[in-house]
Protein backbone atom coordinates (compact mmCIF):
# COMPACT_ATOMS: atom_id res chain seq x y z
CA MET A 1 33.47 143.47 -78.85
CA GLY A 2 37.28 143.46 -79.00
CA LEU A 3 37.46 145.05 -75.49
CA LYS A 4 35.28 141.88 -74.14
CA GLN A 5 37.54 139.40 -76.12
CA GLY A 6 40.60 141.13 -74.95
CA ARG A 7 39.51 140.97 -71.22
CA GLU A 8 38.63 137.18 -71.95
CA ARG A 9 42.13 136.52 -73.09
CA CYS A 10 43.64 138.37 -70.05
CA GLY A 11 41.63 136.45 -67.92
CA SER A 12 42.54 133.26 -69.31
CA VAL A 13 46.44 134.41 -69.44
CA LEU A 14 46.33 134.79 -65.64
CA VAL A 15 44.38 131.50 -64.83
CA LEU A 16 46.86 129.93 -66.82
CA VAL A 17 49.87 131.44 -65.09
CA LEU A 18 48.57 130.70 -61.48
CA VAL A 19 48.03 127.02 -62.84
CA VAL A 20 51.62 127.23 -64.08
CA MET A 21 52.75 128.71 -60.81
CA ALA A 22 50.84 126.09 -58.50
CA THR A 23 52.39 123.37 -60.44
CA LEU A 24 56.18 124.77 -59.79
CA PHE A 25 55.10 125.42 -56.53
CA THR A 26 53.63 121.72 -56.03
CA VAL A 27 57.15 120.71 -57.91
CA GLY A 28 59.24 122.58 -56.00
CA GLY A 29 57.90 121.39 -52.80
CA ALA A 30 58.31 117.87 -53.98
CA LEU A 31 61.64 117.98 -54.77
CA THR A 32 62.56 119.79 -51.14
CA THR A 33 60.80 116.74 -49.81
CA LEU A 34 62.43 114.57 -51.89
CA ALA A 35 65.80 116.14 -51.12
CA LEU A 36 64.97 116.42 -47.18
CA THR A 37 64.53 112.83 -47.32
CA GLU A 38 67.18 111.61 -49.47
CA THR A 39 69.44 114.08 -47.21
CA ALA A 40 68.10 112.06 -43.91
CA ILE A 41 68.41 108.66 -45.31
CA ALA A 42 71.93 109.58 -46.53
CA HIS A 43 72.52 110.85 -42.55
CA ASN A 44 70.65 107.73 -41.49
CA GLN A 45 73.21 105.65 -43.62
CA GLU A 46 76.59 107.71 -42.56
CA GLN A 47 75.19 107.36 -38.97
CA GLU A 48 74.70 103.57 -39.63
CA LEU A 49 77.80 102.86 -41.02
CA LYS A 50 79.85 104.95 -38.57
CA LEU A 51 78.16 102.71 -35.88
CA TYR A 52 79.37 99.43 -37.45
CA TYR A 53 83.11 100.56 -37.74
CA ILE A 54 82.70 101.90 -34.16
CA THR A 55 81.65 98.46 -33.18
CA GLU A 56 84.28 96.67 -35.05
CA ALA A 57 86.91 98.84 -33.41
CA GLY A 58 85.33 97.17 -30.20
CA ILE A 59 85.68 93.42 -31.48
CA GLU A 60 89.29 94.54 -32.61
CA ALA A 61 90.37 95.87 -29.22
CA GLY A 62 89.20 92.61 -27.62
CA MET A 63 91.32 90.82 -29.93
CA ALA A 64 94.22 92.63 -29.10
CA ALA A 65 93.52 91.83 -25.75
CA LEU A 66 93.41 88.29 -26.21
CA ASN A 67 96.25 88.38 -28.44
CA ASN A 68 98.10 89.77 -25.19
CA CYS A 69 96.42 87.50 -22.84
CA PHE A 70 94.19 84.43 -23.83
CA GLU A 71 92.77 84.60 -20.47
CA TYR A 72 91.63 88.59 -20.46
CA SER A 73 88.23 88.63 -18.81
CA GLU A 74 87.98 92.43 -17.99
CA GLU A 75 85.40 94.56 -19.49
CA ILE A 76 87.02 97.02 -22.37
CA THR A 77 85.83 100.53 -23.18
CA GLY A 78 86.50 103.52 -26.17
CA GLU A 79 85.76 106.12 -27.86
CA LEU A 80 85.84 106.73 -31.86
CA GLY A 81 84.45 109.23 -34.38
CA GLY A 82 82.13 111.14 -31.76
CA GLY A 83 80.67 107.34 -30.23
CA CYS A 84 82.00 104.62 -27.83
CA TYR A 85 82.14 100.96 -27.52
CA ARG A 86 82.01 98.42 -24.86
CA VAL A 87 83.58 95.03 -25.01
CA VAL A 88 82.72 91.71 -22.99
CA ILE A 89 85.09 88.52 -23.53
CA ARG A 90 83.17 85.50 -22.59
CA GLN A 91 84.78 82.02 -21.54
CA GLY A 92 81.28 80.19 -21.20
CA PRO A 93 78.14 80.52 -23.10
CA VAL A 94 75.71 83.43 -23.02
CA MET A 95 72.93 81.94 -20.46
CA ARG A 96 69.28 82.95 -20.22
CA GLY A 97 68.79 86.02 -18.56
CA ASP A 98 72.20 87.52 -19.78
CA GLN A 99 72.48 90.57 -22.44
CA HIS A 100 72.34 89.34 -25.99
CA TYR A 101 70.57 85.76 -24.90
CA ASP A 102 68.37 86.11 -27.84
CA PHE A 103 70.94 86.36 -30.35
CA LEU A 104 73.89 84.41 -28.88
CA GLY A 105 71.66 81.84 -26.77
CA ASP A 106 72.63 79.02 -28.79
CA VAL A 107 76.21 79.90 -29.78
CA SER A 108 78.43 77.03 -28.75
CA PHE A 109 82.33 76.96 -28.54
CA ASP A 110 85.49 75.66 -26.68
CA SER A 111 86.00 76.89 -23.53
CA VAL A 112 89.76 76.16 -23.42
CA THR A 113 90.74 77.24 -26.85
CA GLN A 114 88.00 79.84 -27.96
CA ARG A 115 86.44 83.08 -26.48
CA LEU A 116 83.32 84.45 -27.29
CA VAL A 117 84.01 88.36 -27.86
CA ILE A 118 80.73 90.67 -27.67
CA ALA A 119 81.19 94.30 -28.83
CA THR A 120 78.61 96.71 -28.24
CA GLY A 121 78.69 100.16 -30.27
CA SER A 122 76.94 103.44 -29.52
CA LEU A 123 76.40 106.53 -31.58
CA GLY A 124 73.80 109.38 -31.11
CA GLY A 125 70.89 107.20 -29.81
CA LEU A 126 71.52 104.31 -31.84
CA GLN A 127 73.24 101.05 -30.57
CA MET A 128 74.58 97.79 -32.74
CA ALA A 129 75.93 94.69 -31.38
CA MET A 130 78.53 92.20 -32.96
CA ALA A 131 80.23 89.22 -32.14
CA VAL A 132 83.16 86.75 -33.07
CA ILE A 133 84.46 83.38 -31.97
CA ALA A 134 88.26 83.87 -31.43
CA GLU A 135 90.71 81.03 -31.21
CA SER A 136 94.18 80.74 -30.16
CA THR A 137 96.23 78.87 -32.71
CA PRO A 138 97.66 76.82 -31.77
CA LEU A 139 99.03 77.03 -28.06
CA ALA A 140 98.00 80.36 -26.55
CA GLY A 141 98.54 80.32 -22.95
CA LYS A 142 100.35 77.18 -22.03
CA ALA A 143 103.82 77.28 -20.64
CA LEU A 144 105.01 73.74 -23.03
CA ALA A 145 102.67 71.80 -24.89
CA VAL A 146 103.70 68.51 -27.01
CA SER A 147 101.38 66.89 -29.64
CA ASN A 148 103.27 63.27 -28.46
CA ARG A 149 104.70 62.75 -25.32
CA LEU A 150 105.41 64.67 -21.94
CA ALA A 151 108.04 63.23 -19.45
CA LEU A 152 108.60 65.08 -16.00
CA GLU A 153 111.28 63.59 -13.69
CA GLU A 154 111.53 65.65 -10.19
CA SER A 155 110.94 68.71 -12.13
CA THR A 156 108.75 71.84 -11.60
CA ILE A 157 106.88 73.99 -14.17
CA ASN A 158 105.83 77.34 -12.91
CA GLY A 159 103.09 77.62 -15.60
CA SER A 160 100.52 75.13 -17.44
CA ALA A 161 101.69 72.11 -19.18
CA HIS A 162 99.90 70.06 -22.21
CA CYS A 163 100.41 66.98 -22.75
CA GLY A 164 99.07 65.34 -26.60
CA GLU A 165 99.42 61.54 -26.08
CA ILE A 166 101.35 60.38 -23.08
CA LEU A 167 102.32 61.89 -19.99
CA ARG A 168 105.21 60.06 -18.08
CA ILE A 169 105.66 60.88 -14.34
CA ARG A 170 108.94 59.97 -12.41
CA GLY A 171 109.82 61.01 -8.91
CA GLU A 172 108.14 64.19 -7.36
CA ASN A 173 106.99 66.83 -9.76
CA TYR A 174 105.18 70.04 -9.33
CA ILE A 175 102.77 72.27 -11.71
CA TYR A 176 102.25 75.91 -10.70
CA GLY A 177 99.01 76.32 -13.01
CA GLU A 178 97.13 74.14 -15.03
CA LEU A 179 97.70 70.62 -16.46
CA ARG A 180 95.83 69.23 -19.19
CA CYS A 181 95.84 66.01 -21.42
CA THR A 182 94.71 64.60 -24.51
CA ALA A 183 94.49 60.75 -22.77
CA PRO A 184 94.75 61.13 -18.99
CA GLU A 185 94.17 57.49 -18.72
CA LYS A 186 97.28 56.88 -20.62
CA THR A 187 99.81 58.36 -17.63
CA ILE A 188 102.73 56.38 -17.32
CA TRP A 189 104.07 56.38 -13.36
CA GLU A 190 107.50 55.06 -13.59
CA GLY A 191 109.79 54.18 -9.95
CA PRO A 192 111.47 53.36 -8.23
CA GLY A 193 109.84 55.14 -5.23
CA GLU A 194 106.53 56.41 -5.80
CA ALA A 195 105.88 58.42 -8.84
CA ALA A 196 103.54 61.55 -8.34
CA VAL A 197 102.39 65.14 -9.47
CA THR A 198 101.14 67.74 -7.50
CA VAL A 199 99.25 70.29 -9.13
CA ILE A 200 98.77 73.72 -7.22
CA ALA A 201 96.39 75.72 -9.16
CA VAL A 202 95.42 79.23 -8.45
CA ALA A 203 91.65 80.60 -8.63
CA ASP A 204 90.71 82.56 -11.70
CA SER A 205 90.12 85.73 -10.34
CA GLY A 206 93.75 85.88 -9.21
CA SER A 207 92.63 88.12 -6.16
CA PRO A 208 94.73 88.25 -2.78
CA GLY A 209 93.50 85.72 -0.04
CA GLU A 210 91.63 83.10 -2.90
CA PRO A 211 92.32 79.95 -1.73
CA VAL A 212 94.44 77.75 -4.26
CA THR A 213 93.62 73.82 -5.12
CA ILE A 214 96.16 71.74 -4.63
CA THR A 215 96.31 67.97 -5.92
CA THR A 216 98.52 65.32 -6.01
CA TYR A 217 98.18 62.76 -8.86
CA SER A 218 99.82 59.43 -8.48
CA GLU A 219 99.13 55.91 -9.47
CA GLY A 220 97.15 55.36 -6.43
CA ASN A 221 95.43 58.60 -7.61
CA PRO A 222 95.38 58.71 -11.32
CA LEU A 223 94.48 61.57 -13.13
CA PRO A 224 90.84 62.46 -14.11
CA GLY A 225 88.58 62.69 -17.20
CA VAL A 226 88.16 66.42 -16.24
CA LEU A 227 91.56 66.95 -17.45
CA ARG A 228 90.68 66.10 -20.98
CA ALA A 229 91.89 68.76 -23.32
CA LYS A 230 91.99 68.63 -27.33
CA ALA A 231 95.65 67.63 -28.86
CA PRO A 232 97.77 70.85 -29.78
CA VAL A 233 98.77 71.12 -33.18
CA LEU A 234 102.53 72.27 -33.68
CA PRO A 235 102.44 74.81 -36.02
CA PRO A 236 104.59 74.30 -39.26
CA LEU A 237 108.53 75.56 -39.31
CA VAL A 238 109.68 76.42 -42.83
CA PRO A 239 113.38 77.94 -42.34
CA ASP A 240 113.45 79.55 -46.32
CA ASP A 241 110.42 82.04 -44.79
CA PHE A 242 113.87 83.81 -42.78
CA LEU A 243 115.91 83.81 -45.54
CA SER A 244 114.60 87.10 -47.11
CA GLY A 245 117.04 89.77 -46.56
CA ALA A 246 120.06 87.67 -45.57
CA ALA A 247 122.98 89.70 -45.47
CA VAL A 248 125.68 87.29 -45.15
CA ILE A 249 125.58 83.63 -46.57
CA TYR A 250 128.21 80.80 -45.87
CA THR A 251 128.00 78.07 -48.53
CA SER A 252 129.44 75.45 -45.88
CA SER A 253 129.54 74.18 -42.80
CA GLU A 254 131.42 76.71 -40.13
CA ARG A 255 133.46 77.00 -36.87
CA TRP A 256 133.28 79.71 -34.55
CA GLY A 257 134.97 80.67 -31.70
CA ARG A 258 134.26 84.40 -31.97
CA LEU A 259 131.73 86.03 -33.84
CA PRO A 260 133.11 86.73 -37.46
CA ALA A 261 133.85 90.66 -37.99
CA GLN A 262 131.61 90.82 -41.19
CA CYS A 263 128.70 89.62 -39.17
CA ASP A 264 129.49 92.97 -36.47
CA HIS A 265 126.64 95.07 -38.21
CA VAL A 266 124.24 92.72 -40.27
CA ASP A 267 120.58 91.30 -38.79
CA SER A 268 120.92 88.04 -40.73
CA ILE A 269 123.13 85.42 -41.43
CA VAL A 270 123.16 81.96 -43.28
CA VAL A 271 124.91 78.60 -42.96
CA ARG A 272 124.37 76.17 -45.54
CA GLY A 273 125.89 73.36 -43.14
CA ASP A 274 126.46 73.10 -39.69
CA LEU A 275 127.29 75.32 -37.22
CA VAL A 276 129.97 75.06 -34.23
CA ILE A 277 129.96 77.91 -31.47
CA GLU A 278 133.10 76.99 -29.61
CA PRO A 279 134.54 80.00 -27.93
CA GLY A 280 137.88 78.89 -26.45
CA ARG A 281 139.37 78.33 -23.03
CA GLY A 282 139.43 82.23 -21.49
CA ASP A 283 137.58 83.61 -24.83
CA ARG A 284 134.30 85.35 -24.37
CA PHE A 285 131.75 84.49 -27.50
CA ALA A 286 128.68 87.45 -27.96
CA ILE A 287 126.51 87.24 -30.33
CA SER A 288 123.16 90.01 -30.40
CA GLU A 289 120.24 91.05 -32.24
CA LYS A 290 120.87 88.61 -35.25
CA ILE A 291 119.05 86.02 -37.18
CA VAL A 292 120.79 82.94 -37.95
CA ILE A 293 119.46 80.30 -40.44
CA ILE A 294 121.44 76.91 -40.39
CA GLU A 295 120.71 74.63 -42.90
CA GLY A 296 122.55 71.82 -41.00
CA ASP A 297 123.21 71.07 -37.36
CA LEU A 298 123.99 73.68 -34.75
CA GLU A 299 126.22 72.90 -31.81
CA ILE A 300 126.92 75.41 -28.69
CA ALA A 301 129.79 74.39 -26.99
CA ALA A 302 130.69 76.78 -24.30
CA GLU A 303 133.56 75.85 -21.91
CA ARG A 304 133.23 79.57 -20.76
CA ALA A 305 129.81 80.78 -20.64
CA ALA A 306 128.73 82.28 -24.08
CA VAL A 307 126.84 85.51 -24.59
CA ILE A 308 123.50 85.10 -26.69
CA ALA A 309 121.09 87.74 -26.68
CA ASN A 310 118.07 89.00 -28.02
CA CYS A 311 118.79 86.07 -31.17
CA ILE A 312 116.46 83.82 -33.23
CA PHE A 313 118.19 80.33 -34.43
CA VAL A 314 116.27 78.51 -37.56
CA VAL A 315 118.05 75.25 -37.62
CA GLY A 316 117.02 72.44 -40.14
CA GLY A 317 119.21 69.80 -38.44
CA SER A 318 119.07 69.23 -34.52
CA VAL A 319 120.88 71.69 -31.54
CA THR A 320 123.13 70.48 -28.97
CA VAL A 321 124.00 73.29 -26.02
CA THR A 322 126.54 72.24 -23.66
CA GLY A 323 128.49 74.52 -21.04
CA SER A 324 127.25 77.76 -19.50
CA VAL A 325 125.19 80.11 -21.95
CA SER A 326 123.70 83.37 -20.84
CA ALA A 327 122.61 86.73 -21.73
CA ASP A 328 124.58 89.82 -20.94
CA SER A 329 123.42 91.32 -17.92
CA ALA A 330 123.75 94.79 -19.66
CA ALA A 331 121.08 93.69 -22.59
CA GLY A 332 118.28 93.98 -20.22
CA LYS A 333 115.50 91.99 -21.01
CA SER A 334 116.95 89.25 -23.72
CA ARG A 335 114.49 86.76 -26.19
CA VAL A 336 116.26 83.65 -27.31
CA MET A 337 114.59 81.55 -29.83
CA ILE A 338 115.83 78.40 -31.08
CA LEU A 339 113.54 76.65 -33.70
CA SER A 340 114.76 73.31 -34.88
CA GLY A 341 113.68 70.66 -37.36
CA ARG A 342 114.98 67.55 -35.45
CA ASP A 343 115.96 67.20 -31.50
CA ILE A 344 117.21 69.83 -29.03
CA ASP A 345 119.62 68.19 -26.70
CA LEU A 346 120.26 70.49 -23.35
CA THR A 347 121.49 67.87 -20.99
CA GLY A 348 124.80 69.21 -20.80
CA ALA A 349 123.98 72.70 -20.37
CA LYS A 350 124.43 74.65 -17.10
CA THR A 351 123.76 77.69 -15.62
CA ASP A 352 126.82 80.02 -14.82
CA LEU A 353 125.89 81.49 -11.44
CA GLU A 354 128.28 84.47 -12.07
CA GLY A 355 126.65 85.53 -15.32
CA GLY A 356 123.03 84.88 -13.96
CA ASP A 357 120.91 81.60 -12.99
CA GLN A 358 118.97 81.19 -16.09
CA LEU A 359 119.99 79.50 -19.28
CA PHE A 360 120.00 81.87 -22.13
CA GLY A 361 119.45 84.79 -19.79
CA SER A 362 115.85 86.51 -19.41
CA ALA A 363 113.62 84.54 -21.90
CA LEU A 364 113.93 81.14 -23.92
CA LEU A 365 111.92 79.85 -26.30
CA LEU A 366 112.20 76.51 -27.72
CA TYR A 367 110.54 74.73 -30.59
CA SER A 368 111.14 71.34 -31.95
CA LYS A 369 109.61 69.13 -34.19
CA GLY A 370 111.77 66.40 -32.70
CA GLU A 371 112.39 66.04 -29.05
CA VAL A 372 113.53 68.21 -26.31
CA VAL A 373 115.71 67.46 -23.34
CA VAL A 374 116.40 69.63 -20.82
CA GLY A 375 118.45 68.67 -17.24
CA ASN A 376 119.70 65.53 -16.70
CA ARG A 377 119.68 63.28 -13.87
CA GLY A 378 122.89 64.08 -12.29
CA PHE A 379 121.42 67.45 -11.41
CA ASN A 380 119.84 68.88 -8.24
CA GLY A 381 117.25 71.16 -9.90
CA GLU A 382 119.71 73.82 -9.96
CA LEU A 383 119.19 74.54 -14.06
CA LYS A 384 116.44 76.83 -14.88
CA VAL A 385 114.94 77.99 -17.83
CA LYS A 386 112.32 80.63 -18.23
CA GLY A 387 110.37 80.74 -21.40
CA ALA A 388 108.29 78.61 -23.05
CA ILE A 389 108.81 75.03 -25.13
CA ILE A 390 106.80 73.70 -27.63
CA ALA A 391 108.04 70.29 -28.80
CA ARG A 392 106.62 66.78 -29.97
CA GLU A 393 108.09 65.16 -27.33
CA LEU A 394 109.61 66.98 -24.24
CA LEU A 395 111.78 65.36 -20.82
CA LEU A 396 112.27 67.71 -17.91
CA GLN A 397 115.26 66.17 -15.85
CA ARG A 398 115.72 67.70 -12.05
CA CYS A 399 115.23 71.17 -13.98
CA THR A 400 112.77 74.39 -13.07
CA LEU A 401 110.80 75.59 -15.69
CA ASP A 402 109.00 79.31 -15.44
CA TYR A 403 106.86 80.04 -18.07
CA CYS A 404 107.21 83.46 -19.70
CA PRO A 405 104.35 84.75 -21.80
CA GLU A 406 106.17 87.70 -23.19
CA ILE A 407 108.03 85.66 -25.63
CA TYR A 408 105.51 83.18 -26.34
CA ALA A 409 103.72 86.73 -27.93
CA GLU A 410 106.92 87.58 -29.60
CA TYR A 411 107.42 83.75 -30.73
CA CYS A 412 103.41 83.81 -31.98
CA LYS A 413 104.44 87.33 -33.75
CA THR A 414 107.21 85.97 -35.36
CA MET A 415 105.54 82.78 -36.74
CA SER A 416 102.57 84.75 -37.40
CA LEU A 417 100.60 82.78 -35.10
CA GLY A 418 98.13 83.76 -32.08
CA VAL A 419 94.22 84.42 -31.72
CA VAL A 420 92.37 84.99 -34.75
CA ILE A 421 88.82 84.97 -35.64
CA LYS A 422 87.03 81.63 -35.99
CA GLU A 423 83.69 82.87 -36.90
CA TRP A 424 81.90 86.23 -37.34
CA ILE A 425 78.07 86.46 -36.02
CA ARG A 426 76.21 88.80 -37.87
CA PRO A 427 75.54 91.97 -35.87
CA TRP A 428 72.34 93.30 -34.56
CA LYS A 429 70.53 96.45 -33.64
CA LEU A 430 69.56 97.05 -29.91
């Protein structure tokens, strides 16, 4: 009897052990499956996150290309984090039949001031795309732009021109680039003689042998509506933004025949008044690698050539330049910016044939919240300015302006401007 009960108890324990072991195996298997599933989910999430950042890096590469040149249109490729990206920059909308039409076919933007940047990222077997509308702010890729009036008198612009309101033409003028106006019908043609502007537009591809379009506009052949464009917006100018870190401060007006010794080894100078730079006969005035903030007016009267290289002048008042001003040839590619809260008058400026035939040397950027006047009617076109001009009103008289995109890019960097993302378009998987 006792033996039988003992055997029954042993059998019950064995069954219990088997049940417990089966339960443990089941739970263990479930936990293992859960762990593998969580690992796979985490891996997939990590891959998707990496793919997102790879694709976003493509957008950043496209924005960098547009900041360097707003007309950039070549495909961009790159590798990052074990994956790669491909970037396409479009000036026009995505058409039916094009890749990504299902996602971007309804996207519209201004082909003059905006671009559509599309990045496609790849990682393993995964693909993702995203897009943004990039906008130039305020004046990317223009030789000069005015928010009020542009007047050309027997001058040549090697670059594009953008007129905000009223365009005034006197004599024969030439633009080797693009002409855009907010109101082409308001163009004023002045005598004596026939006033005309000839626009020589090179094909967008820029390939050798491509034909050019040459069109002469006059009172008898007025500017067409296709040249219409939005009015440019002048960026703000806040001199106080440049005051940080000023090393030398003058509390009143200054007159310099040569750069003061205490300014030799400083980066920034403040003059709380007017500044006159007036080297004496036979003296040589040289200034380089400086930011000069002038709360009043700036006058540069260079009876002999003054050498001004790689400088920024931030002027609260007006600017007048007379005589010969150039950059030292030893300075290489000089960049000079003059940012004025009022007018800039260069009618008395001339080139120094011994020091170079361009005013202020390699590149000059002029910004004015008032009027900029370059050249005068006594010139025969020998005054050459290379750079860019941004002004409320601009008058070019018998001179030549060569557009320099590099100094425009530096200006945008200095003023915290350039190409920005106007709109993000939600990414999608391919």
